[in-house]
Amino acid sequence: MTTIVKKYFGTAITVMVLLFTTYQLSAQTVTVRGRVTEANGGKPIPGLTVTEKNKENRVVNGVVTDINGNYQLAITDVNDSLYFSQIGLKAQVRAIKTQRVINVVMEEDAKALNEVLVTSERIGNVGGFLGVKPRDRTDAHTTINMKDLEDIPATSIDQILEGKASGLLISMNSGNPGSGSSIQIRNSVSVGLGTKPLIVVDDVPFKSQANVDVNNPDALSELVSISPNDIASIDILKDAAATALYGSDGANGVILITTKRGDNMKPRINFNSTLSLKKPQAPFPLLDGNEYKTMILEGYQNRYGTTGLPATDVVNNLFLLPGALDYENYNNDTYWPGEVTMSEALLQNYTASIVGGGESAKYNVSLGYVNEVGPTKGTGLRRMTGRFNFDYRISNKLSFASDIALADNKKTNNYDNVGNISITKSPVLPVFTQDGFGNSLSTYFIPGNTGFQ
């Protein structure tokens, strides 16, 4: 009995050893090698990519052929496939299965080109930078395309530029049409030139008119003579590059204005008209006549006490009894902003242009008319502009350009800043002198030097 048990026990041990050996052999990695050559001549192909891809077409492993075109790749699964690929050659696919040596002959993948298109880009003068692409520029600049601002009903360039470029500060000194504005690029760095930047129109420095003063609200705006409809683009130079190109004149930055030119197309006539109705702002609360009297009385009582006001003080006019001289002239309730503000104002802007040209000559002729009524009575702007841009190419190396611009500006102003006066003038005073019965006369009431505002 013991002999039989030992016999079967030994047989079971032998079977288990054989099964374990078979499992180990099946789990070993298979290696596939081979050589890749050309179809014409049989030369080896070095650097060709050999990859193992599974059933989901995912790359599992891969190698490249050596200088002799040989490769050797450890295969993860014999059910996968080998992919042979290189640029200019047709890709080959081989199933692995039981193969351990796979040689491949590659064929050229020749494709005929129907057309070869070569494009070139002409680089001209971009903001004073000759031969430099805008994307290659390292200076701090902002380019504004006027096509994006065509719908803005503005009559001057400074109104269009406001808020359109970082670092550009524009503050209108007055709300009257055509009034001066303060333009500043970043911070002022010039002592002699203040904060005023240099303005260049079509590569020519733009000189201010004799009656232009950007710090005077009643003066003309520096850019009022240039119609926004004549402008193609605006470049703003902000850093030291402006000084490098334009010297000390560009220390406060440079505003480069490029006007519209002709093109190689049939003549075209363009006409634009803009009509805008401007309404005054909503009334803001001010003290009426009685509230003003109470405030003045409290102020004098805080200063002199309640024993009474000085007999000669002009504030006594506020407390005259009915029937006294000037009683009617110092007991009113006048809302001064409503007296000086226009109820409605109309803006008219008309532009016409003829654009065209040929291979050699190109032209752009434009005319413009603006009639704008100001927000306060007695203010307004009338402007007539004309521009003629002509380009003539004599040869590939010689060209001629002519720019002619005319402008006629007529700006009407009040004697003083009426808007500021209207919010500080005393509401107890009348517009016209009052008689003893409270009737308005034909003369304006002026309190004189002894009066108060």
Protein backbone atom coordinates (compact mmCIF):
# COMPACT_ATOMS: atom_id res chain seq x y z
CA MET A 1 0.00 0.00 0.00
CA THR A 2 2.79 2.31 0.84
CA THR A 3 4.50 1.56 -2.43
CA ILE A 4 1.36 2.49 -4.45
CA VAL A 5 0.93 5.85 -2.64
CA LYS A 6 4.52 6.78 -3.27
CA LYS A 7 4.14 5.85 -6.94
CA TYR A 8 1.07 8.09 -7.50
CA PHE A 9 2.54 10.90 -5.39
CA GLY A 10 5.62 10.96 -7.57
CA THR A 11 3.51 11.00 -10.73
CA ALA A 12 1.46 14.01 -9.46
CA ILE A 13 4.62 15.94 -8.65
CA THR A 14 5.95 15.30 -12.16
CA VAL A 15 2.71 16.51 -13.81
CA MET A 16 2.68 19.71 -11.73
CA VAL A 17 6.30 20.47 -12.67
CA LEU A 18 5.51 20.00 -16.36
CA LEU A 19 2.44 22.27 -16.17
CA PHE A 20 4.38 25.03 -14.39
CA THR A 21 7.20 24.81 -16.95
CA THR A 22 4.69 25.11 -19.81
CA TYR A 23 3.07 28.21 -18.21
CA GLN A 24 6.46 29.88 -17.79
CA LEU A 25 7.36 29.22 -21.43
CA SER A 26 4.04 30.66 -22.62
CA ALA A 27 4.52 33.82 -20.54
CA GLN A 28 7.92 34.63 -22.03
CA THR A 29 8.16 37.72 -24.35
CA VAL A 30 8.53 37.07 -28.08
CA THR A 31 11.21 38.96 -30.00
CA VAL A 32 10.78 39.82 -33.67
CA ARG A 33 13.64 40.99 -35.82
CA GLY A 34 14.09 41.83 -39.46
CA ARG A 35 15.50 44.14 -42.11
CA VAL A 36 13.91 47.00 -44.06
CA THR A 37 15.11 47.81 -47.57
CA GLU A 38 14.14 49.94 -50.56
CA ALA A 39 12.15 48.51 -53.46
CA ASN A 40 14.55 50.07 -55.98
CA GLY A 41 18.06 48.77 -55.44
CA GLY A 42 17.51 46.97 -52.14
CA LYS A 43 19.38 49.56 -50.10
CA PRO A 44 18.75 49.51 -46.33
CA ILE A 45 16.56 52.25 -44.87
CA PRO A 46 17.91 53.68 -41.61
CA GLY A 47 15.73 55.63 -39.19
CA LEU A 48 12.45 53.97 -40.25
CA THR A 49 9.83 53.67 -37.51
CA VAL A 50 8.63 50.20 -36.52
CA THR A 51 5.73 50.13 -34.05
CA GLU A 52 3.59 47.45 -32.48
CA LYS A 53 -0.12 48.27 -32.48
CA ASN A 54 -2.91 46.35 -30.77
CA LYS A 55 -6.43 45.66 -32.01
CA GLU A 56 -7.53 49.16 -30.91
CA ASN A 57 -4.81 50.65 -33.13
CA ARG A 58 -2.90 51.92 -30.12
CA VAL A 59 0.89 51.98 -30.12
CA VAL A 60 2.25 49.47 -27.59
CA ASN A 61 5.95 49.52 -28.40
CA GLY A 62 8.28 50.79 -31.09
CA VAL A 63 11.85 51.11 -32.39
CA VAL A 64 13.70 52.63 -35.37
CA THR A 65 15.94 50.81 -37.80
CA ASP A 66 19.70 51.14 -37.49
CA ILE A 67 22.13 52.28 -40.17
CA ASN A 68 21.89 48.88 -41.87
CA GLY A 69 18.11 48.85 -41.83
CA ASN A 70 17.91 46.16 -39.11
CA TYR A 71 15.50 46.25 -36.20
CA GLN A 72 14.66 44.13 -33.16
CA LEU A 73 11.46 44.57 -31.17
CA ALA A 74 10.10 42.81 -28.09
CA ILE A 75 6.48 41.89 -28.81
CA THR A 76 3.89 42.08 -26.06
CA ASP A 77 1.15 40.11 -27.83
CA VAL A 78 1.61 37.93 -30.93
CA ASN A 79 -1.92 38.90 -32.03
CA ASP A 80 -0.76 42.50 -32.58
CA SER A 81 0.59 43.91 -35.85
CA LEU A 82 3.79 45.67 -36.89
CA TYR A 83 3.56 49.04 -38.67
CA PHE A 84 6.45 50.28 -40.81
CA SER A 85 6.34 54.00 -41.72
CA GLN A 86 8.52 56.88 -42.87
CA ILE A 87 7.86 60.16 -44.63
CA GLY A 88 7.96 59.69 -48.40
CA LEU A 89 7.33 55.91 -48.23
CA LYS A 90 4.12 53.91 -48.26
CA ALA A 91 3.26 52.51 -44.85
CA GLN A 92 3.40 48.69 -44.49
CA VAL A 93 1.50 46.47 -42.02
CA ARG A 94 2.51 42.92 -41.08
CA ALA A 95 0.74 40.44 -38.77
CA ILE A 96 3.01 38.85 -36.18
CA LYS A 97 1.35 35.52 -35.28
CA THR A 98 4.11 32.87 -35.46
CA GLN A 99 6.60 34.98 -37.45
CA ARG A 100 9.83 35.83 -35.68
CA VAL A 101 11.70 37.31 -38.66
CA ILE A 102 9.85 39.90 -40.73
CA ASN A 103 11.67 41.58 -43.59
CA VAL A 104 9.91 44.45 -45.37
CA VAL A 105 10.49 46.15 -48.72
CA MET A 106 9.30 49.79 -48.75
CA GLU A 107 7.99 51.60 -51.82
CA GLU A 108 8.08 55.32 -52.52
CA ASP A 109 4.92 57.32 -51.90
CA ALA A 110 5.20 59.80 -54.78
CA LYS A 111 2.45 62.41 -55.05
CA ALA A 112 2.21 64.97 -57.84
CA LEU A 113 1.62 68.63 -56.90
CA ASN A 114 -0.93 70.40 -59.08
CA GLU A 115 0.08 73.92 -57.99
CA VAL A 116 2.69 75.59 -55.87
CA LEU A 117 1.61 78.95 -54.48
CA VAL A 118 4.28 81.33 -53.20
CA THR A 119 3.06 84.39 -51.29
CA SER A 120 5.04 87.46 -50.32
CA GLU A 121 4.36 90.33 -47.97
CA ARG A 122 5.37 93.89 -48.63
CA ILE A 123 6.61 95.59 -45.50
CA GLY A 124 6.37 99.33 -45.63
CA ASN A 125 6.59 102.16 -43.16
CA VAL A 126 4.65 101.09 -40.06
CA GLY A 127 4.70 103.87 -37.52
CA GLY A 128 8.15 104.98 -38.58
CA PHE A 129 9.58 101.44 -38.41
CA LEU A 130 10.90 100.63 -41.89
CA GLY A 131 10.96 96.96 -42.86
CA VAL A 132 9.70 95.66 -39.51
CA LYS A 133 6.57 93.57 -39.28
CA PRO A 134 4.07 94.71 -36.64
CA ARG A 135 4.31 91.33 -34.90
CA ASP A 136 8.12 91.66 -34.68
CA ARG A 137 8.05 95.08 -33.06
CA THR A 138 9.15 95.23 -29.44
CA ASP A 139 8.06 98.77 -28.66
CA ALA A 140 4.96 99.64 -26.62
CA HIS A 141 2.37 100.71 -29.15
CA THR A 142 -1.34 100.43 -29.87
CA THR A 143 -2.90 100.30 -33.33
CA ILE A 144 -6.48 101.43 -33.82
CA ASN A 145 -8.28 100.48 -37.03
CA MET A 146 -10.86 103.10 -37.91
CA LYS A 147 -13.10 100.50 -39.55
CA ASP A 148 -13.98 99.30 -36.06
CA LEU A 149 -15.05 102.84 -35.05
CA GLU A 150 -17.10 103.88 -38.06
CA ASP A 151 -20.37 103.81 -36.12
CA ILE A 152 -19.21 106.35 -33.51
CA PRO A 153 -20.86 109.75 -34.24
CA ALA A 154 -17.81 111.81 -33.32
CA THR A 155 -16.63 114.99 -35.03
CA SER A 156 -13.00 114.98 -33.82
CA ILE A 157 -10.29 112.41 -33.32
CA ASP A 158 -9.81 113.03 -29.61
CA GLN A 159 -13.42 112.03 -29.00
CA ILE A 160 -12.83 108.74 -30.83
CA LEU A 161 -9.56 107.94 -29.06
CA GLU A 162 -10.99 108.44 -25.59
CA GLY A 163 -10.87 105.09 -23.80
CA LYS A 164 -9.65 103.16 -26.86
CA ALA A 165 -5.98 102.66 -25.91
CA SER A 166 -4.30 101.77 -22.64
CA GLY A 167 -2.11 104.49 -21.22
CA LEU A 168 -3.80 107.20 -23.30
CA LEU A 169 -5.51 109.82 -21.13
CA ILE A 170 -7.85 112.32 -22.78
CA SER A 171 -9.82 114.82 -20.75
CA MET A 172 -12.15 117.27 -22.42
CA ASN A 173 -11.65 120.76 -21.03
CA SER A 174 -15.17 121.75 -22.01
CA GLY A 175 -18.32 120.17 -23.36
CA ASN A 176 -18.56 122.73 -26.15
CA PRO A 177 -18.04 121.43 -29.71
CA GLY A 178 -14.46 121.68 -30.96
CA SER A 179 -13.08 122.73 -27.58
CA GLY A 180 -9.58 121.88 -26.51
CA SER A 181 -8.71 118.61 -24.81
CA SER A 182 -5.76 117.53 -22.72
CA ILE A 183 -4.01 114.51 -24.28
CA GLN A 184 -1.43 112.58 -22.28
CA ILE A 185 0.33 109.30 -23.08
CA ARG A 186 1.33 107.57 -19.87
CA ASN A 187 3.09 110.21 -17.78
CA SER A 188 4.76 113.44 -18.71
CA VAL A 189 8.52 113.06 -19.18
CA SER A 190 9.32 116.37 -20.85
CA VAL A 191 9.74 119.61 -18.93
CA GLY A 192 9.67 122.00 -21.86
CA LEU A 193 6.83 120.35 -23.81
CA GLY A 194 4.52 119.63 -20.88
CA THR A 195 2.28 116.61 -21.48
CA LYS A 196 1.52 117.24 -25.14
CA PRO A 197 2.37 114.29 -27.44
CA LEU A 198 3.70 114.69 -30.95
CA ILE A 199 1.09 114.25 -33.69
CA VAL A 200 2.27 112.91 -37.05
CA VAL A 201 -0.04 112.76 -40.08
CA ASP A 202 1.16 110.62 -43.00
CA ASP A 203 4.76 110.73 -41.71
CA VAL A 204 4.71 114.53 -41.46
CA PRO A 205 4.68 116.21 -38.01
CA PHE A 206 1.38 118.01 -37.52
CA LYS A 207 1.81 121.59 -36.35
CA SER A 208 -0.83 123.27 -34.24
CA GLN A 209 -2.73 126.27 -35.48
CA ALA A 210 -1.97 129.66 -34.03
CA ASN A 211 -5.27 129.80 -32.10
CA VAL A 212 -4.98 126.31 -30.65
CA ASP A 213 -4.47 125.99 -26.90
CA VAL A 214 -5.23 122.59 -25.40
CA ASN A 215 -5.41 124.06 -21.90
CA ASN A 216 -7.98 126.70 -22.89
CA PRO A 217 -11.56 125.33 -22.99
CA ASP A 218 -12.60 128.05 -25.44
CA ALA A 219 -9.79 127.37 -27.91
CA LEU A 220 -9.96 125.00 -30.84
CA SER A 221 -9.10 121.35 -30.38
CA GLU A 222 -5.70 120.48 -31.81
CA LEU A 223 -7.16 117.68 -33.95
CA VAL A 224 -10.34 119.46 -35.06
CA SER A 225 -8.94 120.11 -38.55
CA ILE A 226 -8.70 116.38 -39.35
CA SER A 227 -11.94 114.65 -40.25
CA PRO A 228 -12.28 111.18 -38.67
CA ASN A 229 -13.70 109.89 -41.97
CA ASP A 230 -10.37 110.59 -43.71
CA ILE A 231 -8.38 108.38 -41.31
CA ALA A 232 -7.46 104.77 -42.05
CA SER A 233 -5.59 103.90 -38.84
CA ILE A 234 -3.99 105.43 -35.76
CA ASP A 235 -0.81 104.19 -34.06
CA ILE A 236 0.15 105.34 -30.58
CA LEU A 237 3.80 105.05 -29.55
CA LYS A 238 4.20 105.08 -25.79
CA ASP A 239 7.78 104.33 -24.79
CA ALA A 240 11.35 105.32 -25.62
CA ALA A 241 10.94 104.11 -29.21
CA ALA A 242 9.04 107.33 -29.91
CA THR A 243 12.00 109.37 -28.72
CA ALA A 244 14.40 107.29 -30.78
CA LEU A 245 12.44 107.96 -33.96
CA TYR A 246 11.35 111.57 -33.45
CA GLY A 247 13.88 112.95 -31.00
CA SER A 248 12.89 115.19 -28.12
CA ASP A 249 9.62 116.09 -29.85
CA GLY A 250 8.42 112.56 -29.16
CA ALA A 251 9.39 112.52 -25.50
CA ASN A 252 5.72 112.54 -24.46
CA GLY A 253 4.74 109.87 -26.97
CA VAL A 254 3.61 110.04 -30.58
CA ILE A 255 0.20 109.75 -32.21
CA LEU A 256 0.64 108.52 -35.79
CA ILE A 257 -2.30 109.15 -38.09
CA THR A 258 -2.53 107.46 -41.48
CA THR A 259 -5.13 108.82 -43.88
CA LYS A 260 -6.98 106.86 -46.52
CA ARG A 261 -5.32 106.41 -49.91
CA GLY A 262 -6.51 105.44 -53.37
CA ASP A 263 -6.54 101.87 -54.68
CA ASN A 264 -6.31 99.93 -57.92
CA MET A 265 -10.05 99.73 -58.54
CA LYS A 266 -12.76 101.48 -60.49
CA PRO A 267 -13.76 104.94 -59.22
CA ARG A 268 -16.28 104.78 -56.40
CA ILE A 269 -18.34 107.56 -54.86
CA ASN A 270 -19.09 107.28 -51.14
CA PHE A 271 -21.48 109.50 -49.22
CA ASN A 272 -22.22 109.36 -45.51
CA SER A 273 -24.58 111.50 -43.49
CA THR A 274 -25.13 111.52 -39.74
CA LEU A 275 -27.88 113.35 -37.92
CA SER A 276 -27.85 113.23 -34.13
CA LEU A 277 -30.22 114.82 -31.68
CA LYS A 278 -28.55 115.77 -28.42
CA LYS A 279 -30.57 116.36 -25.32
CA PRO A 280 -29.35 118.05 -22.14
CA GLN A 281 -28.56 115.99 -19.10
CA ALA A 282 -31.20 115.43 -16.45
CA PRO A 283 -31.52 118.36 -14.02
CA PHE A 284 -29.48 117.91 -10.88
CA PRO A 285 -30.75 119.26 -7.54
CA LEU A 286 -29.65 122.74 -6.46
CA LEU A 287 -30.81 125.01 -3.69
CA ASP A 288 -33.86 127.09 -4.50
CA GLY A 289 -34.24 130.73 -3.45
CA ASN A 290 -35.61 130.10 0.07
CA GLU A 291 -33.12 127.33 0.81
CA TYR A 292 -30.29 129.58 -0.35
CA LYS A 293 -31.43 132.40 1.97
CA THR A 294 -31.59 130.00 4.92
CA MET A 295 -28.08 128.70 4.23
CA ILE A 296 -26.63 132.23 3.99
CA LEU A 297 -28.38 133.33 7.18
CA GLU A 298 -27.09 130.31 9.11
CA GLY A 299 -23.58 130.95 7.85
CA TYR A 300 -23.61 134.58 8.97
CA GLN A 301 -25.12 133.68 12.34
CA ASN A 302 -22.37 131.14 12.89
CA ARG A 303 -19.87 133.89 12.11
CA TYR A 304 -21.39 136.95 13.80
CA GLY A 305 -23.89 135.39 16.19
CA THR A 306 -27.60 136.18 16.38
CA THR A 307 -27.20 139.85 17.40
CA GLY A 308 -27.65 140.96 13.81
CA LEU A 309 -25.86 141.35 10.54
CA PRO A 310 -23.55 144.27 9.68
CA ALA A 311 -25.64 147.14 8.37
CA THR A 312 -23.49 147.62 5.28
CA ASP A 313 -23.17 143.95 4.37
CA VAL A 314 -24.57 142.98 0.99
CA VAL A 315 -26.31 139.97 2.55
CA ASN A 316 -28.93 142.38 3.87
CA ASN A 317 -30.34 142.50 0.34
CA LEU A 318 -31.63 138.98 0.88
CA PHE A 319 -33.89 140.12 3.67
CA LEU A 320 -35.38 143.30 2.25
CA LEU A 321 -39.03 143.96 3.01
CA PRO A 322 -41.58 144.04 0.18
CA GLY A 323 -41.64 147.44 -1.51
CA ALA A 324 -38.01 148.20 -0.71
CA LEU A 325 -35.56 149.09 -3.45
CA ASP A 326 -34.19 145.99 -5.20
CA TYR A 327 -36.55 143.73 -3.28
CA GLU A 328 -37.72 142.10 -6.54
CA ASN A 329 -34.11 141.69 -7.71
CA TYR A 330 -33.08 139.63 -4.67
CA ASN A 331 -36.16 137.51 -4.07
CA ASN A 332 -36.36 135.12 -6.98
CA ASP A 333 -36.13 131.38 -7.57
CA THR A 334 -33.99 130.92 -10.70
CA TYR A 335 -32.69 127.55 -11.86
CA TRP A 336 -29.63 128.78 -13.76
CA PRO A 337 -28.63 125.53 -15.55
CA GLY A 338 -32.04 125.56 -17.20
CA GLU A 339 -31.55 129.14 -18.36
CA VAL A 340 -28.28 128.54 -20.20
CA THR A 341 -28.79 125.00 -21.48
CA MET A 342 -30.24 124.26 -24.89
CA SER A 343 -33.36 122.14 -24.78
CA GLU A 344 -32.22 120.12 -27.80
CA ALA A 345 -29.21 120.33 -30.12
CA LEU A 346 -28.75 118.92 -33.61
CA LEU A 347 -25.51 117.48 -34.99
CA GLN A 348 -25.10 117.32 -38.76
CA ASN A 349 -22.14 115.50 -40.29
CA TYR A 350 -21.82 114.97 -44.05
CA THR A 351 -18.88 113.37 -45.87
CA ALA A 352 -18.34 112.51 -49.53
CA SER A 353 -15.36 110.89 -51.21
CA ILE A 354 -14.19 109.62 -54.60
CA VAL A 355 -11.72 106.72 -54.44
CA GLY A 356 -10.08 104.87 -57.30
CA GLY A 357 -7.02 104.51 -59.47
CA GLY A 358 -5.03 102.17 -61.66
CA GLU A 359 -1.67 100.45 -61.80
CA SER A 360 0.27 103.71 -61.74
CA ALA A 361 -2.00 106.44 -60.33
CA LYS A 362 -4.25 106.21 -57.27
CA TYR A 363 -6.32 108.97 -55.73
CA ASN A 364 -8.66 109.74 -52.84
CA VAL A 365 -10.66 112.98 -52.80
CA SER A 366 -12.90 113.76 -49.84
CA LEU A 367 -15.06 116.62 -48.57
CA GLY A 368 -16.71 117.02 -45.19
CA TYR A 369 -19.12 119.38 -43.47
CA VAL A 370 -19.99 119.46 -39.77
CA ASN A 371 -22.54 121.68 -38.06
CA GLU A 372 -22.80 120.99 -34.35
CA VAL A 373 -24.80 123.01 -31.84
CA GLY A 374 -23.33 123.10 -28.35
CA PRO A 375 -25.00 122.10 -25.10
CA THR A 376 -25.18 125.70 -23.88
CA LYS A 377 -26.63 128.67 -25.67
CA GLY A 378 -24.21 130.56 -27.85
CA THR A 379 -21.85 127.62 -28.52
CA GLY A 380 -21.34 125.61 -31.68
CA LEU A 381 -18.94 124.48 -34.40
CA ARG A 382 -19.03 124.67 -38.17
CA ARG A 383 -16.28 122.93 -40.07
CA MET A 384 -15.49 122.43 -43.74
CA THR A 385 -12.72 119.96 -44.59
CA GLY A 386 -11.19 118.78 -47.83
CA ARG A 387 -8.41 116.32 -48.58
CA PHE A 388 -6.74 115.18 -51.80
CA ASN A 389 -4.31 112.24 -51.64
CA PHE A 390 -2.60 111.33 -54.91
CA ASP A 391 -0.04 108.57 -55.47
CA TYR A 392 1.79 108.03 -58.77
CA ARG A 393 4.28 105.23 -59.41
CA ILE A 394 6.78 106.25 -62.07
CA SER A 395 8.76 103.01 -61.89
CA ASN A 396 9.45 100.16 -59.52
CA LYS A 397 12.06 102.31 -57.78
CA LEU A 398 10.48 105.77 -58.02
CA SER A 399 7.06 106.95 -56.85
CA PHE A 400 5.43 110.29 -56.17
CA ALA A 401 2.89 111.16 -53.45
CA SER A 402 0.96 114.38 -52.88
CA ASP A 403 -1.23 115.19 -49.88
CA ILE A 404 -3.31 118.37 -49.82
CA ALA A 405 -5.62 119.17 -46.91
CA LEU A 406 -7.78 122.21 -46.23
CA ALA A 407 -9.92 123.05 -43.21
CA ASP A 408 -12.15 125.99 -42.27
CA ASN A 409 -13.32 126.02 -38.64
CA LYS A 410 -15.75 128.47 -37.11
CA LYS A 411 -16.28 128.00 -33.42
CA THR A 412 -18.62 130.11 -31.33
CA ASN A 413 -18.06 130.47 -27.60
CA ASN A 414 -19.54 132.30 -24.67
CA TYR A 415 -17.63 135.04 -22.94
CA ASP A 416 -16.89 132.79 -20.00
CA ASN A 417 -17.47 129.22 -18.90
CA VAL A 418 -21.22 129.54 -18.59
CA GLY A 419 -21.65 125.93 -17.43
CA ASN A 420 -19.60 126.45 -14.28
CA ILE A 421 -21.20 129.80 -13.57
CA SER A 422 -24.70 128.36 -13.83
CA ILE A 423 -24.15 125.95 -10.93
CA THR A 424 -22.55 128.55 -8.65
CA LYS A 425 -24.72 131.61 -9.34
CA SER A 426 -27.16 132.57 -6.61
CA PRO A 427 -30.72 131.37 -7.30
CA VAL A 428 -32.23 134.52 -5.72
CA LEU A 429 -30.96 136.68 -8.60
CA PRO A 430 -33.08 137.13 -11.74
CA VAL A 431 -31.99 136.83 -15.36
CA PHE A 432 -33.44 140.26 -16.25
CA THR A 433 -33.74 143.33 -14.06
CA GLN A 434 -37.06 143.49 -12.21
CA ASP A 435 -39.11 146.63 -11.71
CA GLY A 436 -40.92 147.47 -8.48
CA PHE A 437 -43.85 145.24 -9.47
CA GLY A 438 -41.78 142.13 -10.35
CA ASN A 439 -41.91 142.61 -14.12
CA SER A 440 -38.86 141.74 -16.20
CA LEU A 441 -37.15 144.55 -18.07
CA SER A 442 -35.09 144.22 -21.25
CA THR A 443 -31.72 144.53 -19.52
CA TYR A 444 -29.83 141.76 -17.77
CA PHE A 445 -29.49 142.13 -14.02
CA ILE A 446 -25.87 142.63 -12.93
CA PRO A 447 -25.38 143.00 -9.16
CA GLY A 448 -21.99 144.68 -9.62
CA ASN A 449 -18.86 144.36 -7.54
CA THR A 450 -20.77 144.68 -4.29
CA GLY A 451 -23.10 141.85 -5.17
CA PHE A 452 -22.64 138.17 -4.73
CA GLN A 453 -22.90 135.19 -6.98
